[in-house]
Protein backbone atom coordinates (compact mmCIF):
# COMPACT_ATOMS: atom_id res chain seq x y z
CA MET A 1 8.57 36.45 8.35
CA THR A 2 8.82 35.92 4.65
CA LYS A 3 9.88 32.43 3.70
CA ARG A 4 12.94 31.98 1.56
CA THR A 5 13.77 28.78 -0.30
CA LEU A 6 17.29 27.41 0.00
CA LYS A 7 18.17 25.22 -2.95
CA LEU A 8 20.66 22.64 -1.75
CA HIS A 9 20.89 20.79 -4.98
CA GLU A 10 20.09 21.88 -8.50
CA ALA A 11 19.10 19.09 -10.90
CA GLU A 12 19.45 19.56 -14.56
CA THR A 13 16.05 20.26 -16.19
CA PRO A 14 15.46 17.53 -18.86
CA THR A 15 14.15 18.33 -22.35
CA ALA A 16 10.72 16.95 -22.46
CA ARG A 17 7.34 17.19 -24.18
CA VAL A 18 4.51 18.42 -22.00
CA LEU A 19 0.83 18.41 -22.77
CA VAL A 20 -1.36 20.82 -20.69
CA VAL A 21 -5.09 20.00 -20.52
CA ASP A 22 -7.51 22.49 -19.05
CA ASP A 23 -10.91 23.76 -20.14
CA HIS A 24 -10.10 27.22 -18.65
CA ALA A 25 -8.25 29.10 -21.38
CA GLN A 26 -6.44 31.63 -19.14
CA ALA A 27 -5.21 28.96 -16.74
CA ARG A 28 -4.17 26.68 -19.61
CA ASP A 29 -2.23 29.47 -21.40
CA SER A 30 -0.51 30.51 -18.19
CA VAL A 31 0.76 27.03 -17.44
CA ALA A 32 1.87 26.58 -21.07
CA PHE A 33 3.66 29.91 -21.05
CA THR A 34 5.56 29.11 -17.91
CA LEU A 35 6.67 25.67 -19.14
CA LYS A 36 7.74 26.95 -22.58
CA HIS A 37 10.02 29.53 -20.90
CA ALA A 38 11.42 26.75 -18.68
CA GLY A 39 12.55 25.00 -21.89
CA TYR A 40 9.85 22.40 -22.51
CA THR A 41 8.13 21.63 -25.72
CA VAL A 42 4.43 22.33 -24.86
CA GLN A 43 1.15 21.50 -26.47
CA THR A 44 -2.29 22.32 -25.15
CA SER A 45 -5.89 20.83 -25.19
CA ALA A 46 -9.13 22.34 -23.93
CA SER A 47 -10.50 18.91 -22.84
CA ALA A 48 -9.51 15.38 -22.08
CA VAL A 49 -11.36 14.12 -25.17
CA GLU A 50 -9.46 16.48 -27.31
CA ALA A 51 -6.24 15.50 -25.57
CA LEU A 52 -6.81 11.80 -26.23
CA LYS A 53 -7.25 12.43 -29.94
CA LEU A 54 -4.06 14.52 -29.99
CA LEU A 55 -2.09 11.72 -28.27
CA GLU A 56 -3.07 9.27 -31.06
CA ARG A 57 -0.72 11.23 -33.41
CA GLU A 58 1.67 13.09 -30.96
CA THR A 59 3.66 12.05 -27.96
CA ALA A 60 4.03 13.48 -24.45
CA ASP A 61 6.37 12.71 -21.59
CA VAL A 62 4.38 14.66 -18.99
CA ILE A 63 0.66 15.55 -18.93
CA VAL A 64 -0.59 18.36 -16.68
CA THR A 65 -4.33 18.12 -16.48
CA ASP A 66 -7.07 19.91 -14.55
CA LEU A 67 -9.17 17.72 -12.35
CA LYS A 68 -12.69 19.24 -12.96
CA MET A 69 -13.44 19.44 -16.60
CA PRO A 70 -16.74 18.92 -18.53
CA GLY A 71 -17.19 15.71 -20.42
CA MET A 72 -14.32 13.75 -18.88
CA THR A 73 -12.75 14.54 -15.53
CA GLY A 74 -9.05 14.47 -14.84
CA ILE A 75 -9.50 11.17 -12.88
CA GLU A 76 -11.38 9.61 -15.84
CA PHE A 77 -8.70 10.91 -18.22
CA LEU A 78 -6.00 9.34 -16.05
CA ALA A 79 -7.87 5.99 -15.99
CA GLU A 80 -8.21 6.06 -19.83
CA LEU A 81 -4.50 6.78 -20.28
CA LYS A 82 -3.60 3.88 -18.02
CA ARG A 83 -6.03 1.60 -19.97
CA ARG A 84 -4.23 2.59 -23.16
CA ASN A 85 -0.81 1.95 -21.48
CA HIS A 86 0.28 5.43 -22.31
CA PRO A 87 3.73 6.03 -20.71
CA ALA A 88 3.34 9.71 -19.83
CA GLN A 89 3.67 10.86 -16.23
CA VAL A 90 0.38 12.61 -15.20
CA ILE A 91 0.17 15.53 -12.79
CA LEU A 92 -3.40 16.37 -11.69
CA VAL A 93 -4.13 20.16 -10.84
CA THR A 94 -7.19 21.23 -8.95
CA ALA A 95 -8.64 23.90 -6.67
CA TYR A 96 -10.79 21.29 -4.93
CA ALA A 97 -8.06 19.20 -3.35
CA THR A 98 -8.99 16.70 -0.60
CA VAL A 99 -7.10 13.81 0.91
CA GLU A 100 -9.52 11.42 -0.66
CA THR A 101 -9.03 12.92 -4.09
CA ALA A 102 -5.30 12.77 -3.75
CA VAL A 103 -5.22 9.21 -2.61
CA ASP A 104 -7.57 8.21 -5.41
CA ALA A 105 -5.31 9.92 -7.96
CA MET A 106 -2.25 8.16 -6.57
CA ARG A 107 -4.04 4.84 -6.53
CA ARG A 108 -4.92 5.29 -10.19
CA GLY A 109 -1.26 5.92 -11.13
CA ALA A 110 -0.91 9.74 -11.07
CA PHE A 111 2.70 10.90 -10.78
CA ASP A 112 1.68 13.67 -8.33
CA PHE A 113 -0.90 16.18 -7.28
CA LEU A 114 -0.84 19.98 -7.38
CA GLU A 115 -3.30 22.19 -5.53
CA LYS A 116 -4.42 25.66 -6.83
CA PRO A 117 -3.34 28.30 -6.29
CA PHE A 118 0.27 27.12 -6.77
CA ALA A 119 3.65 28.92 -7.19
CA LEU A 120 5.12 28.74 -10.68
CA GLU A 121 8.34 27.49 -9.07
CA ALA A 122 6.35 24.53 -7.66
CA LEU A 123 4.92 23.75 -11.07
CA GLU A 124 8.37 23.84 -12.72
CA GLU A 125 9.92 21.70 -9.96
CA LEU A 126 7.10 19.07 -10.23
CA VAL A 127 7.13 18.89 -14.04
CA GLY A 128 10.95 18.62 -13.84
CA ARG A 129 10.71 15.61 -11.54
CA ALA A 130 8.07 14.05 -13.77
CA ALA A 131 10.21 14.56 -16.84
CA ARG A 132 13.27 13.02 -15.23
CA SER A 133 11.14 10.02 -14.11
CA ALA A 134 9.89 9.63 -17.74
CA ARG A 135 13.40 9.88 -19.13
CA CYS A 136 14.74 7.27 -16.67
CA ALA A 137 11.96 4.82 -17.56
CA THR A 138 12.70 5.31 -21.26
CA THR A 139 16.48 4.77 -20.72
CA ALA A 140 15.80 1.71 -18.69
CA ALA A 141 13.70 0.18 -21.38
CA ALA A 142 16.24 1.07 -24.05
CA THR A 143 19.18 -0.54 -22.19
CA ASN A 144 17.26 -3.87 -21.55
CA ILE A 145 17.24 -4.01 -17.77
CA ALA A 146 16.31 -7.73 -17.81
CA ALA A 147 19.87 -8.71 -18.04
CA THR A 148 21.32 -12.17 -17.47
CA ALA A 149 21.36 -13.65 -14.00
CA ASP A 150 25.19 -13.36 -13.83
CA GLU A 151 25.03 -9.68 -14.86
CA LEU A 152 22.42 -8.94 -12.24
CA ALA A 153 24.31 -10.72 -9.55
CA ARG A 154 27.50 -8.72 -10.50
CA ARG A 155 25.58 -5.47 -10.15
CA THR A 156 24.16 -6.41 -6.75
CA PRO A 157 27.02 -8.11 -4.91
CA ALA A 158 25.51 -7.63 -1.45
CA ILE A 159 22.44 -9.58 -2.38
CA ILE A 160 23.20 -13.28 -1.92
CA GLY A 161 21.11 -15.96 -3.61
CA THR A 162 20.22 -17.42 -6.92
CA SER A 163 16.68 -18.61 -6.18
CA PRO A 164 13.93 -17.45 -8.53
CA GLN A 165 12.62 -15.15 -5.80
CA MET A 166 15.94 -13.30 -5.58
CA GLN A 167 16.41 -13.17 -9.28
CA ALA A 168 13.06 -11.51 -9.57
CA LEU A 169 13.91 -9.08 -6.74
CA ARG A 170 17.11 -8.14 -8.43
CA VAL A 171 15.28 -7.28 -11.68
CA ARG A 172 12.91 -4.99 -9.72
CA MET A 173 15.73 -3.39 -7.88
CA VAL A 174 17.58 -2.47 -11.11
CA ARG A 175 14.32 -1.15 -12.55
CA ALA A 176 13.58 0.92 -9.48
CA ALA A 177 17.13 2.29 -9.37
CA ALA A 178 16.72 3.57 -12.96
CA THR A 179 14.09 6.03 -11.68
CA GLU A 180 13.92 8.83 -9.12
CA GLU A 181 10.72 7.49 -7.47
CA THR A 182 10.12 6.75 -3.79
CA VAL A 183 10.67 3.07 -2.95
CA LEU A 184 9.06 1.23 -0.10
CA ILE A 185 10.83 -2.01 0.88
CA THR A 186 8.79 -4.56 2.90
CA GLY A 187 9.73 -7.77 4.53
CA GLU A 188 10.12 -9.58 7.84
CA SER A 189 12.87 -8.53 10.32
CA GLY A 190 16.29 -9.92 9.29
CA THR A 191 15.48 -10.30 5.59
CA GLY A 192 18.02 -7.66 4.47
CA LYS A 193 15.77 -4.71 3.66
CA GLU A 194 18.54 -2.12 4.34
CA LEU A 195 20.90 -4.03 2.02
CA VAL A 196 18.25 -3.82 -0.68
CA ALA A 197 17.88 -0.02 -0.04
CA ARG A 198 21.70 0.55 -0.36
CA ALA A 199 21.80 -1.54 -3.48
CA VAL A 200 19.03 0.56 -5.04
CA HIS A 201 20.93 3.65 -4.22
CA ASN A 202 24.31 2.22 -5.52
CA LEU A 203 22.66 1.17 -8.82
CA GLY A 204 21.22 4.63 -9.53
CA ALA A 205 22.49 7.83 -10.77
CA ARG A 206 23.07 9.11 -7.15
CA ALA A 207 25.57 6.39 -6.35
CA ASP A 208 28.31 8.93 -5.72
CA ARG A 209 26.24 11.10 -3.51
CA PRO A 210 25.31 10.55 0.21
CA PHE A 211 23.23 7.68 1.46
CA VAL A 212 21.83 8.73 4.83
CA GLY A 213 19.81 6.41 7.03
CA LEU A 214 17.59 6.93 10.04
CA ASN A 215 16.22 4.25 12.36
CA CYS A 216 12.67 5.49 13.01
CA PRO A 217 11.94 3.59 16.22
CA ALA A 218 15.10 4.72 17.91
CA MET A 219 14.00 7.98 19.62
CA SER A 220 11.12 10.11 20.86
CA ALA A 221 8.89 12.05 18.51
CA GLN A 222 10.53 15.40 19.26
CA LEU A 223 14.04 14.07 18.74
CA MET A 224 12.94 12.23 15.63
CA GLU A 225 11.60 15.49 14.12
CA SER A 226 14.92 17.16 14.81
CA GLU A 227 16.90 14.27 13.37
CA LEU A 228 14.83 14.47 10.13
CA PHE A 229 14.62 18.25 9.62
CA GLY A 230 17.21 19.78 11.91
CA HIS A 231 16.64 22.55 14.45
CA GLU A 232 17.54 26.14 15.22
CA ARG A 233 19.39 27.24 18.36
CA GLY A 234 16.94 27.52 21.27
CA ALA A 235 14.21 25.53 19.49
CA PHE A 236 13.83 23.37 22.58
CA THR A 237 15.66 22.57 25.78
CA GLY A 238 19.16 21.42 25.01
CA ALA A 239 19.22 22.92 21.50
CA GLU A 240 22.37 24.98 21.99
CA ALA A 241 23.22 25.41 18.39
CA ARG A 242 21.75 25.09 14.87
CA ARG A 243 21.87 21.52 13.66
CA ALA A 244 21.21 20.23 10.12
CA GLY A 245 18.84 17.18 9.81
CA ARG A 246 19.12 14.05 7.79
CA PHE A 247 17.18 15.48 4.84
CA GLU A 248 19.80 18.17 4.45
CA ALA A 249 22.63 15.70 4.87
CA ALA A 250 21.13 13.59 2.06
CA ALA A 251 21.05 16.49 -0.43
CA GLY A 252 21.62 15.13 -3.86
CA GLY A 253 21.66 11.55 -2.53
CA SER A 254 19.17 9.17 -0.80
CA ILE A 255 17.60 9.06 2.55
CA LEU A 256 16.51 5.82 4.11
CA LEU A 257 13.67 5.87 6.64
CA ASP A 258 14.08 2.49 8.37
CA GLU A 259 10.87 1.02 9.84
CA VAL A 260 8.85 4.09 8.79
CA THR A 261 5.74 2.72 10.39
CA GLU A 262 7.09 3.64 13.83
CA LEU A 263 6.69 7.38 13.20
CA ASP A 264 3.73 8.88 15.11
CA LEU A 265 0.82 10.44 13.24
CA PRO A 266 1.79 14.10 13.61
CA LEU A 267 5.27 13.28 12.24
CA GLN A 268 3.70 11.29 9.44
CA ALA A 269 1.85 14.42 8.40
CA LYS A 270 5.04 16.44 8.27
CA LEU A 271 6.76 13.70 6.22
CA LEU A 272 3.82 13.72 3.85
CA ARG A 273 4.25 17.46 3.28
CA VAL A 274 8.01 16.86 2.49
CA LEU A 275 7.05 14.28 -0.17
CA GLN A 276 4.32 16.52 -1.63
CA GLU A 277 6.05 19.87 -1.63
CA ARG A 278 9.70 18.88 -1.53
CA THR A 279 10.34 21.43 1.18
CA PHE A 280 10.53 21.45 5.02
CA GLU A 281 11.52 23.80 7.88
CA ARG A 282 13.92 23.07 10.66
CA VAL A 283 12.36 22.91 14.09
CA GLY A 284 12.08 26.47 15.39
CA SER A 285 12.38 28.11 11.98
CA SER A 286 9.96 29.37 9.30
CA GLU A 287 12.64 29.28 6.58
CA SER A 288 11.77 26.73 3.87
CA ILE A 289 14.53 24.38 2.62
CA ALA A 290 14.21 22.60 -0.67
CA VAL A 291 16.22 19.51 -0.94
CA GLU A 292 16.64 16.99 -3.76
CA ALA A 293 16.87 13.69 -1.84
CA ARG A 294 15.41 10.43 -2.98
CA VAL A 295 13.36 8.74 -0.25
CA LEU A 296 13.64 5.03 0.49
CA ALA A 297 11.57 3.55 3.29
CA THR A 298 11.42 0.13 4.95
CA THR A 299 8.92 -1.68 7.14
CA ASN A 300 8.44 -5.10 8.64
CA ARG A 301 4.71 -4.52 9.18
CA ASP A 302 1.63 -4.93 6.94
CA LEU A 303 1.11 -1.25 5.97
CA ARG A 304 -2.35 -1.85 4.57
CA GLN A 305 -3.37 -3.28 7.91
CA ALA A 306 -1.72 -0.38 9.69
CA VAL A 307 -3.77 2.02 7.48
CA ALA A 308 -6.95 0.05 8.25
CA ASP A 309 -6.16 0.22 11.96
CA GLY A 310 -5.68 4.04 11.86
CA LYS A 311 -2.01 3.72 12.76
CA PHE A 312 -0.65 4.97 9.42
CA ARG A 313 -1.88 7.59 7.10
CA GLU A 314 -3.33 6.26 3.85
CA ASP A 315 -2.16 9.22 1.78
CA LEU A 316 1.38 8.75 3.07
CA TYR A 317 1.31 5.06 2.22
CA TYR A 318 0.55 5.87 -1.40
CA ARG A 319 3.33 8.47 -1.41
CA LEU A 320 5.81 5.98 -0.11
CA ALA A 321 4.75 2.89 -2.11
CA VAL A 322 5.20 4.30 -5.53
CA ILE A 323 7.65 1.44 -6.18
CA PRO A 324 7.13 -1.46 -3.78
CA LEU A 325 9.89 -4.07 -3.28
CA ALA A 326 9.12 -7.12 -1.17
CA VAL A 327 12.01 -9.05 0.30
CA PRO A 328 11.15 -12.79 0.66
CA PRO A 329 11.75 -14.46 4.01
CA LEU A 330 14.49 -17.09 4.04
CA ARG A 331 12.08 -20.03 4.45
CA GLU A 332 10.59 -19.22 1.04
CA ARG A 333 14.00 -19.35 -0.65
CA ALA A 334 15.52 -22.34 1.04
CA GLY A 335 17.63 -23.09 -2.03
CA ASP A 336 19.79 -20.03 -1.15
CA VAL A 337 20.80 -21.46 2.27
CA PRO A 338 23.98 -23.32 1.11
CA GLN A 339 25.27 -20.23 -0.63
CA LEU A 340 24.52 -18.09 2.39
CA LEU A 341 26.21 -20.56 4.76
CA ASP A 342 29.42 -20.38 2.71
CA HIS A 343 29.33 -16.64 2.33
CA PHE A 344 28.88 -15.89 6.06
CA LEU A 345 31.40 -18.53 7.13
CA GLN A 346 34.00 -16.88 4.86
CA GLN A 347 32.93 -13.45 6.00
CA ALA A 348 33.23 -14.37 9.69
CA ALA A 349 36.61 -16.01 9.17
CA GLU A 350 37.98 -12.84 7.40
CA ARG A 351 36.57 -10.59 10.17
CA LEU A 352 37.95 -12.71 13.02
CA GLY A 353 41.25 -13.61 11.40
CA ALA A 354 40.44 -17.39 11.52
CA GLU A 355 40.10 -20.30 9.18
CA PRO A 356 36.59 -20.81 7.77
CA ALA A 357 34.64 -23.25 9.90
CA VAL A 358 33.59 -26.55 8.21
CA LEU A 359 29.95 -27.88 8.47
CA SER A 360 29.29 -31.62 8.44
CA ARG A 361 26.83 -33.02 5.93
CA GLY A 362 24.31 -33.56 8.68
CA ALA A 363 24.66 -29.97 9.84
CA ARG A 364 24.07 -28.66 6.31
CA ASP A 365 21.08 -30.93 5.88
CA MET A 366 19.62 -29.75 9.13
CA LEU A 367 20.06 -26.05 8.24
CA GLY A 368 18.73 -26.53 4.80
CA GLY A 369 15.41 -27.77 6.26
CA TYR A 370 15.23 -25.24 9.14
CA ARG A 371 12.64 -22.53 8.75
CA TRP A 372 14.80 -19.58 9.94
CA PRO A 373 12.35 -17.45 12.06
CA GLY A 374 15.18 -14.87 12.33
CA ASN A 375 15.84 -14.94 8.55
CA VAL A 376 19.25 -14.08 7.10
CA ARG A 377 20.30 -12.21 10.27
CA GLU A 378 19.83 -15.41 12.25
CA LEU A 379 21.90 -17.41 9.82
CA GLN A 380 24.67 -14.81 9.81
CA ASN A 381 24.90 -14.75 13.55
CA LEU A 382 24.84 -18.54 13.78
CA MET A 383 27.90 -18.80 11.34
CA THR A 384 29.76 -16.23 13.39
CA ARG A 385 29.10 -18.21 16.57
CA ALA A 386 30.12 -21.40 14.88
CA THR A 387 33.40 -19.80 13.70
CA VAL A 388 34.22 -18.63 17.21
CA LEU A 389 33.06 -21.68 19.31
CA GLY A 390 33.13 -24.48 16.78
CA GLY A 391 36.43 -26.09 17.79
CA ASP A 392 38.91 -27.93 15.46
CA GLY A 393 36.78 -30.63 13.71
CA PRO A 394 33.73 -30.26 11.44
CA ILE A 395 30.65 -28.71 13.14
CA THR A 396 27.84 -31.17 13.48
CA ALA A 397 24.06 -30.88 13.70
CA ASP A 398 24.23 -31.58 17.41
CA ASP A 399 26.67 -28.69 17.85
CA LEU A 400 24.36 -26.25 16.16
CA ARG A 401 20.98 -27.36 17.38
CA PRO A 402 21.14 -25.66 20.84
CA TRP A 403 21.86 -22.36 19.24
CA LEU A 404 18.78 -22.34 16.95
CA ASN A 405 15.67 -20.35 17.83
CA ASP A 406 13.54 -23.45 17.42
CA SER A 407 15.66 -26.46 18.33
CA SER A 408 12.62 -28.83 18.36
CA GLU A 409 11.92 -27.90 14.72
CA ALA A 410 15.52 -28.54 13.94
CA ALA A 411 15.32 -31.99 15.64
CA SER A 412 12.22 -32.76 13.61
CA THR A 413 14.04 -31.72 10.44
CA ALA A 414 17.00 -33.94 11.44
CA ASP A 415 14.62 -36.83 11.89
CA GLN A 416 13.52 -36.42 8.29
CA SER A 417 16.90 -35.79 6.75
CA GLU A 418 19.12 -38.29 8.60
CA LEU A 419 17.14 -41.55 8.09
CA PRO A 420 19.52 -44.55 8.33
CA VAL A 421 20.35 -46.65 5.21
CA GLY A 422 18.45 -50.02 4.97
CA LEU A 423 14.98 -48.91 6.04
CA SER A 424 12.13 -50.59 4.25
CA LEU A 425 9.76 -48.28 2.28
CA GLN A 426 7.04 -48.99 4.80
CA GLU A 427 9.18 -48.01 7.75
CA MET A 428 10.45 -44.90 5.91
CA GLU A 429 6.82 -43.86 5.09
CA ARG A 430 5.90 -44.38 8.77
CA ARG A 431 8.79 -42.16 9.99
CA MET A 432 8.02 -39.47 7.46
CA ILE A 433 4.39 -39.33 8.57
CA GLU A 434 5.52 -39.19 12.23
CA ALA A 435 7.99 -36.37 11.56
CA THR A 436 5.45 -34.39 9.44
CA LEU A 437 2.86 -34.75 12.12
CA ARG A 438 5.28 -33.44 14.75
CA ARG A 439 6.02 -30.48 12.58
CA HIS A 440 2.33 -29.58 12.40
CA ASP A 441 1.49 -30.36 16.00
CA GLY A 442 -0.64 -33.36 15.10
CA HIS A 443 -2.96 -31.35 12.87
CA ARG A 444 -4.03 -33.99 10.35
CA ALA A 445 -5.34 -31.70 7.64
CA ARG A 446 -2.09 -29.65 7.53
CA THR A 447 -0.05 -32.87 7.62
CA ALA A 448 -1.97 -34.39 4.77
CA GLU A 449 -1.53 -31.26 2.75
CA ALA A 450 2.25 -31.16 3.44
CA LEU A 451 2.57 -34.87 2.44
CA GLY A 452 0.56 -34.46 -0.69
CA ILE A 453 -1.99 -37.16 0.28
CA GLY A 454 -5.63 -37.13 1.15
CA LEU A 455 -6.94 -36.78 4.70
CA ARG A 456 -8.60 -40.18 4.57
CA THR A 457 -5.39 -41.81 3.40
CA LEU A 458 -3.48 -40.22 6.31
CA THR A 459 -6.21 -41.34 8.82
CA ALA A 460 -6.05 -44.83 7.51
CA LYS A 461 -2.22 -44.83 7.95
CA ILE A 462 -2.61 -43.59 11.54
CA LYS A 463 -5.01 -46.44 12.30
CA GLU A 464 -2.66 -48.85 10.67
CA TYR A 465 0.20 -47.84 12.92
CA GLY A 466 -2.06 -48.25 15.95
CA TYR A 467 -1.52 -44.76 17.35
CA VAL A 468 -3.87 -43.28 19.85
CA ASP A 469 -4.45 -39.67 20.82
CA GLY A 470 -1.82 -38.37 23.11
CA PRO A 471 0.57 -35.57 23.91
CA ARG A 472 1.79 -33.31 21.06
CA ARG A 473 5.09 -32.43 19.59
CA SER A 474 7.30 -32.50 22.66
CA GLU A 475 6.54 -36.23 23.27
CA PRO A 476 7.76 -39.31 21.33
CA PRO A 477 5.88 -40.17 18.15
CA GLN A 478 2.33 -40.33 19.34
CA ILE A 479 -0.11 -38.76 16.99
CA ALA A 480 -2.54 -36.20 18.28
CA ARG A 481 -6.06 -35.73 17.11
CA ALA A 482 -6.41 -33.12 14.33
CA GLY A 483 -8.52 -30.11 14.71
């Protein structure tokens, strides 16, 4: 059956300057002719060396270059462009495509990779995407994305926190939103990766188009393929009617692949094809569908390690991680905890139709020093529970401690933050050393590092207090031997 492409979303072709580099005159002229008739301003060069000289006096938004050329290869040309900080988006074209070559090109900063022989429509579509990306980057620079902290916070209302880590993340989010590139959002469970993805969508040009999410670990491989790409009637048992997939539903907008590392390897290969060719087929169909959807992905795993372990395709990793955004865990931005506490207390009160709960000073101190293994999600759930079960008076540290994932850690934190008034400096020092040793399970080296003192100094203090080796953290303040 002949394949027919269904265009679900037509994007405006931007005016752009394209440089075509190829030592083969017929191929070079054919590409230039096609792009000129598509509305681009086109220049040509017969070699990478000639192209570099041309770029010293001319500009280019997109460079389409052959891979195998005498004198300087396309990969070497790309490396030299990056060394010179040239802003053009580079598309590599070759008849000798391999996964290794493609991965190397993406690693070195290529916009994309086109394998010969290719359809002219594929060339036009790819150059169009590269031109739009170049235009977005230029617009972002011209409008001074690095806005004030207040302006960034106003533009990202769902992202709570004023710590340096969150300010830096906001800047990267706004920069990512100004492009059409694929974004990979990494971070531990509960850090708010989906909120970041929605914010990137809402900040961009697709804000008024669909935002479609899919939780990748939620179903079997067969059902996941159907969810992504749709299926035809009779494609498998239970497929009683044609059904559109998430990529079709996201036409013109954004699709979020939540925890993308959970896709099995065969489905990873199909996703890679979508990202490379911008087309897919419904399950049970040979009809190609082209869809203009921006891809956002999240993961709570170390993708580089997953690649090394053979659980995730390296070429897919580089396709997804064009723009990486790392969401910091809550323990690394403890200064945001007070603001998050107030935000979620107010949010819970509005949702439940109640007055906002009040936290005692001791409770706030304890939560400020807690490490939050469940991150922001744990904090949000804790404030909801406090609103429902907290009673009439202020909520104390003792009220909250049983609800924490690590109540022994909270108790240790309370020991440090609730020292009674009137202690001598010597006694306060002793208690601080005890509490820090408990925190680190009696490990002397880690304790000394945390206290900012030398290991010999700590050992001398332990001998001074007369402690002996004994049980660890669960016991009263006896100090265990360090490993």
